[in-house]
Structure formats: structure tokens, C-alpha cells
Amino acid sequence: MDQARLVALLREGNQRAYSELVVRHLPAIEVYAKRIVNDDALAQDIAQDVMVVLWQRSADFNPNKARLTTWLHRIAHNRCIDILRKRQREFGWDPSESKYPVAESDTPREQQPIDTALMRLPESQRTALVLTYYQNLSNREVAEIMNLSVRAVESLLVRARGNLKKQLETQE
């Protein structure tokens, strides 16, 4: 069934449509959150929260304004940023020093160099890179999620790629 039909059914309270949308979107939202907050358990919580918002606020979604994946990533982005800022304020928490592995694995292991380098980027650069290269979203969609212009996203990506390259060279 196509996504538009599933969303229409969801708005009517159809649990099967909701389940199908969760199956389609939960993994991508969780991967995104893991790469931003660098904490597996927290990323799972964020992804679950986003799916609750999907159920509770499906009427707020306007398919004429954005794709569902863009809307869900925007919600996840806002949750991630709120959490990062709260942790930094309250605990001086540095996501690059989290004890949780970023790499997807059933067993803890060392972070991959790219994951470590990503976590050292400023939050806005990391977000732009993750949404573009890991979530395969267009610059327009990334701009919408981050509430920026497309030009600002393009600029962030240029700086992020340069900083990521420097980080990786430093690790070698």
C-alpha cells in the first residue's frame, strides 16, 4: 500500500496502517538519532518518541508541504538537538566522549574512525552530513528539517566535509 493511503488510514485511527508506517520509518529514524546523539539506548527512545508523535499528531502532517520521512526526521532532529543542548547545559556532556558505540552491532566495540570524527563536528555540520549522506535526503529536505535555506545547508556541507577530512587525517 502506498504511503499516502497509509497516512490517510492512520488519521482514521487504523492501527495496521500505523504499524506499517513504523516498520517503514523506525529504523531510519533510529539510525539518524544514533549518529547525532551517539547513544544507542537514547536513540531508540528518540525513535520511539517520534513514532508516538506519528500516531498522536498524524493530522498535523501535510503531504503537500513535505514527504513523511522529512516530517519524521524533523521531529527526530528537534528531539536530538533538545537532548544534546540539555545535556551540555546540565552536565557539560560531550557526545564525542559517550560510552555508547555508534556502530550498529549487537556487541559493543570500538567506534569506527568516521563515527569518532563525526561526533567531533559541530552539531549543525554533523546533522547536515548525516541527513545528506546517511539518510539520503536532498539538500532541500535537509534545509526543511534544519529550518535553514538550501544555500546554508550547502555551506554547512562544504565546511563539514572539510572538517571531517581534517578529523580523519588527525586520527591516522
Protein backbone atom coordinates (compact mmCIF):
# COMPACT_ATOMS: atom_id res chain seq x y z
CA MET A 1 0.00 0.00 0.00
CA ASP A 2 1.33 3.45 -0.82
CA GLN A 3 2.34 5.85 1.89
CA ALA A 4 -0.37 8.44 1.20
CA ARG A 5 -3.06 5.78 1.71
CA LEU A 6 -1.37 4.55 4.89
CA VAL A 7 -1.29 8.09 6.30
CA ALA A 8 -4.95 8.59 5.42
CA LEU A 9 -5.82 5.36 7.22
CA LEU A 10 -3.65 6.35 10.18
CA ARG A 11 -5.60 9.59 10.53
CA GLU A 12 -8.71 7.44 10.91
CA GLY A 13 -7.01 5.55 13.76
CA ASN A 14 -6.09 2.46 11.74
CA GLN A 15 -3.52 0.55 13.80
CA ARG A 16 -2.42 -1.66 10.90
CA ALA A 17 -1.53 1.43 8.85
CA TYR A 18 0.38 2.78 11.83
CA SER A 19 2.27 -0.49 12.24
CA GLU A 20 3.23 -0.49 8.58
CA LEU A 21 4.49 3.09 8.78
CA VAL A 22 6.51 2.25 11.89
CA VAL A 23 8.09 -0.71 10.11
CA ARG A 24 9.00 1.54 7.18
CA HIS A 25 10.35 4.52 9.12
CA LEU A 26 11.52 3.48 12.60
CA PRO A 27 14.90 2.00 11.50
CA ALA A 28 15.95 5.13 9.59
CA ILE A 29 14.92 7.44 12.41
CA GLU A 30 16.84 5.33 14.92
CA VAL A 31 19.99 5.30 12.76
CA TYR A 32 19.76 9.06 12.39
CA ALA A 33 19.37 9.58 16.14
CA LYS A 34 22.32 7.24 16.89
CA ARG A 35 24.60 9.25 14.66
CA ILE A 36 23.54 12.52 16.28
CA VAL A 37 23.40 11.65 20.00
CA ASN A 38 25.99 8.84 20.00
CA ASP A 39 23.96 6.75 22.43
CA ASP A 40 22.13 3.58 21.31
CA ALA A 41 19.58 3.49 24.13
CA LEU A 42 18.81 7.18 23.82
CA ALA A 43 18.49 6.87 20.04
CA GLN A 44 15.96 4.06 20.49
CA ASP A 45 13.99 6.23 22.90
CA ILE A 46 14.03 9.15 20.47
CA ALA A 47 12.89 6.93 17.59
CA GLN A 48 10.07 5.55 19.73
CA ASP A 49 9.05 9.08 20.72
CA VAL A 50 8.93 10.06 17.05
CA MET A 51 6.65 7.10 16.31
CA VAL A 52 4.36 8.15 19.17
CA VAL A 53 4.19 11.62 17.63
CA LEU A 54 3.31 9.98 14.31
CA TRP A 55 0.35 8.26 16.00
CA GLN A 56 -0.77 11.23 18.07
CA ARG A 57 -0.21 14.05 15.57
CA SER A 58 -0.72 12.44 12.18
CA ALA A 59 -3.32 15.12 11.45
CA ASP A 60 -0.53 17.72 11.64
CA PHE A 61 1.31 16.11 8.73
CA ASN A 62 0.68 17.90 5.44
CA PRO A 63 1.75 15.79 2.44
CA ASN A 64 1.58 18.88 0.24
CA LYS A 65 4.35 20.51 2.27
CA ALA A 66 6.78 17.62 2.85
CA ARG A 67 7.32 13.91 2.49
CA LEU A 68 6.52 11.86 5.59
CA THR A 69 10.17 10.91 6.02
CA THR A 70 11.10 14.61 6.06
CA TRP A 71 8.44 15.36 8.67
CA LEU A 72 9.58 12.46 10.86
CA HIS A 73 13.25 13.43 10.55
CA ARG A 74 12.34 17.00 11.52
CA ILE A 75 10.70 15.71 14.70
CA ALA A 76 13.71 13.46 15.42
CA HIS A 77 16.11 16.33 14.71
CA ASN A 78 14.32 18.59 17.17
CA ARG A 79 14.35 15.87 19.85
CA CYS A 80 18.05 15.16 19.32
CA ILE A 81 19.02 18.82 19.47
CA ASP A 82 16.93 19.42 22.58
CA ILE A 83 18.59 16.48 24.32
CA LEU A 84 22.12 17.47 23.27
CA ARG A 85 21.64 21.03 24.43
CA LYS A 86 20.10 19.94 27.73
CA ARG A 87 22.98 17.55 28.43
CA GLN A 88 25.55 20.16 27.55
CA ARG A 89 23.85 22.70 29.82
CA GLU A 90 23.30 20.38 32.76
CA PHE A 91 26.31 18.10 32.67
CA GLY A 92 28.84 19.61 30.30
CA TRP A 93 28.30 16.39 28.33
CA ASP A 94 30.41 15.90 25.23
CA PRO A 95 28.80 13.45 22.75
CA SER A 96 32.22 12.54 21.33
CA GLU A 97 33.08 11.03 24.72
CA SER A 98 29.94 8.91 25.11
CA LYS A 99 30.48 5.39 26.36
CA TYR A 100 27.97 4.06 23.85
CA PRO A 101 29.17 2.75 20.47
CA VAL A 102 27.77 4.39 17.35
CA ALA A 103 28.36 1.47 15.01
CA GLU A 104 25.39 -0.82 14.58
CA SER A 105 26.25 -4.04 16.35
CA ASP A 106 24.81 -6.43 18.89
CA THR A 107 28.06 -6.33 20.85
CA PRO A 108 29.92 -3.24 21.99
CA ARG A 109 33.07 -2.49 20.04
CA GLU A 110 35.38 0.38 19.24
CA GLN A 111 33.91 3.24 17.27
CA GLN A 112 34.89 3.41 13.64
CA PRO A 113 37.13 6.36 12.73
CA ILE A 114 34.34 8.00 10.73
CA ASP A 115 31.96 7.78 13.70
CA THR A 116 34.50 9.34 16.04
CA ALA A 117 35.25 12.09 13.53
CA LEU A 118 31.53 12.77 13.00
CA MET A 119 30.94 13.19 16.72
CA ARG A 120 33.68 15.82 16.90
CA LEU A 121 31.97 18.00 14.32
CA PRO A 122 29.75 20.87 15.43
CA GLU A 123 26.16 19.67 15.79
CA SER A 124 24.87 21.53 12.74
CA GLN A 125 27.61 20.16 10.46
CA ARG A 126 27.14 16.62 11.79
CA THR A 127 23.38 16.86 11.28
CA ALA A 128 23.72 18.11 7.70
CA LEU A 129 26.18 15.32 6.83
CA VAL A 130 24.12 12.58 8.45
CA LEU A 131 20.87 13.68 6.82
CA THR A 132 22.51 14.02 3.42
CA TYR A 133 24.83 11.02 3.26
CA TYR A 134 23.39 8.50 5.71
CA GLN A 135 19.69 9.28 5.38
CA ASN A 136 19.91 10.08 1.64
CA LEU A 137 17.81 13.21 1.87
CA SER A 138 18.04 16.03 -0.64
CA ASN A 139 19.53 19.39 0.30
CA ARG A 140 16.02 20.84 0.14
CA GLU A 141 14.74 18.26 2.62
CA VAL A 142 17.74 18.79 4.89
CA ALA A 143 17.10 22.54 4.78
CA GLU A 144 13.49 21.97 5.77
CA ILE A 145 14.42 19.65 8.63
CA MET A 146 17.09 22.02 9.94
CA ASN A 147 14.99 25.13 9.30
CA LEU A 148 17.68 26.63 7.07
CA SER A 149 17.96 27.78 3.48
CA VAL A 150 19.28 25.36 0.88
CA ARG A 151 22.27 27.64 0.44
CA ALA A 152 23.02 27.47 4.18
CA VAL A 153 22.86 23.67 4.05
CA GLU A 154 25.24 23.61 1.09
CA SER A 155 27.64 25.83 3.02
CA LEU A 156 27.38 23.60 6.10
CA LEU A 157 28.13 20.55 3.97
CA VAL A 158 31.25 22.16 2.49
CA ARG A 159 32.55 23.07 5.95
CA ALA A 160 31.54 19.68 7.37
CA ARG A 161 33.35 17.73 4.65
CA GLY A 162 36.47 19.84 5.19
CA ASN A 163 36.34 19.41 8.96
CA LEU A 164 35.63 15.70 8.63
CA LYS A 165 38.63 15.31 6.36
CA LYS A 166 40.83 17.12 8.91
CA GLN A 167 39.47 14.93 11.73
CA LEU A 168 40.21 11.75 9.79
CA GLU A 169 43.71 12.92 8.88
CA THR A 170 44.39 13.70 12.53
CA GLN A 171 43.25 10.20 13.57
CA GLU A 172 45.69 8.50 11.19
